[in-house]
Amino acid sequence: MIKIKSCAIFGGTFDPIHLGHLRVIDKLLDSKEFELIIIVPTGIPALRKAEATPEDRFAMAKLAVGNRKVLVSEIEV
């Protein structure tokens, strides 16, 4: 088990993930407040229908974050 003091979880439909999402992620990283940042693409969006499948949105998120020090979780996929 990994012990961490602070974690940020950023969830969303990410259909598609865009510069606004990446700016939020970069601000979280720049803040140095969190030891771990987890990005969670929603499996079944509650507020709107996603065009892309959960698997595709997970893959898009992984590609979009590039080499940023974040974890893209497939927990809802």
Protein backbone atom coordinates (compact mmCIF):
# COMPACT_ATOMS: atom_id res chain seq x y z
CA MET A 1 0.00 0.00 0.00
CA ILE A 2 1.20 3.50 -0.84
CA LYS A 3 0.86 6.09 1.91
CA ILE A 4 0.21 9.62 0.75
CA LYS A 5 -0.73 12.77 2.63
CA SER A 6 -2.72 14.54 -0.06
CA CYS A 7 -4.43 13.49 -3.24
CA ALA A 8 -6.45 15.38 -5.86
CA ILE A 9 -9.06 13.51 -7.88
CA PHE A 10 -10.19 15.19 -11.10
CA GLY A 11 -13.12 13.42 -12.69
CA GLY A 12 -15.13 14.20 -15.77
CA THR A 13 -16.57 12.92 -19.00
CA PHE A 14 -13.47 14.07 -20.92
CA ASP A 15 -15.34 13.73 -24.22
CA PRO A 16 -12.96 14.92 -25.44
CA ILE A 17 -10.34 15.99 -22.96
CA HIS A 18 -9.31 19.54 -23.94
CA LEU A 19 -6.96 22.40 -23.07
CA GLY A 20 -9.24 23.56 -20.25
CA HIS A 21 -8.90 20.19 -18.55
CA LEU A 22 -5.14 20.21 -19.07
CA ARG A 23 -4.86 23.71 -17.58
CA VAL A 24 -6.64 22.50 -14.43
CA ILE A 25 -4.25 19.55 -14.24
CA ASP A 26 -1.25 21.86 -14.72
CA LYS A 27 -2.51 24.21 -11.98
CA LEU A 28 -2.87 21.27 -9.61
CA LEU A 29 0.67 20.14 -10.44
CA ASP A 30 2.07 23.68 -10.09
CA SER A 31 0.42 24.12 -6.68
CA LYS A 32 2.68 21.43 -5.17
CA GLU A 33 -0.17 20.77 -2.69
CA PHE A 34 -0.78 17.18 -3.76
CA GLU A 35 1.44 14.15 -3.68
CA LEU A 36 -0.81 12.36 -6.14
CA ILE A 37 -3.21 13.59 -8.81
CA ILE A 38 -5.68 11.09 -10.23
CA ILE A 39 -7.64 11.71 -13.41
CA VAL A 40 -10.87 9.66 -13.61
CA PRO A 41 -12.77 9.52 -16.90
CA THR A 42 -16.40 8.83 -16.02
CA GLY A 43 -17.68 5.44 -17.13
CA ILE A 44 -21.35 6.40 -17.51
CA PRO A 45 -21.80 10.20 -17.49
CA ALA A 46 -24.70 11.40 -15.33
CA LEU A 47 -25.36 14.74 -17.02
CA ARG A 48 -24.98 14.03 -20.72
CA LYS A 49 -24.43 11.26 -23.22
CA ALA A 50 -20.81 10.72 -24.19
CA GLU A 51 -20.01 10.29 -27.87
CA ALA A 52 -16.85 8.24 -27.26
CA THR A 53 -16.78 4.94 -25.38
CA PRO A 54 -15.37 4.87 -21.85
CA GLU A 55 -12.34 2.97 -23.18
CA ASP A 56 -11.69 5.60 -25.85
CA ARG A 57 -12.06 8.46 -23.37
CA PHE A 58 -9.60 6.71 -21.04
CA ALA A 59 -7.15 6.32 -23.92
CA MET A 60 -7.61 9.98 -24.94
CA ALA A 61 -6.93 11.09 -21.37
CA LYS A 62 -3.77 8.95 -21.18
CA LEU A 63 -2.50 10.47 -24.43
CA ALA A 64 -3.45 14.03 -23.49
CA VAL A 65 -1.69 14.08 -20.12
CA GLY A 66 1.53 12.98 -21.82
CA ASN A 67 4.45 12.90 -19.42
CA ARG A 68 2.72 14.85 -16.63
CA LYS A 69 3.12 13.24 -13.21
CA VAL A 70 -0.49 12.11 -12.86
CA LEU A 71 -2.33 8.80 -12.72
CA VAL A 72 -5.17 8.24 -15.19
CA SER A 73 -7.46 5.74 -13.53
CA GLU A 74 -9.59 3.21 -15.37
CA ILE A 75 -11.66 2.47 -12.26
CA GLU A 76 -14.90 3.58 -13.94
CA VAL A 77 -14.06 2.05 -17.31
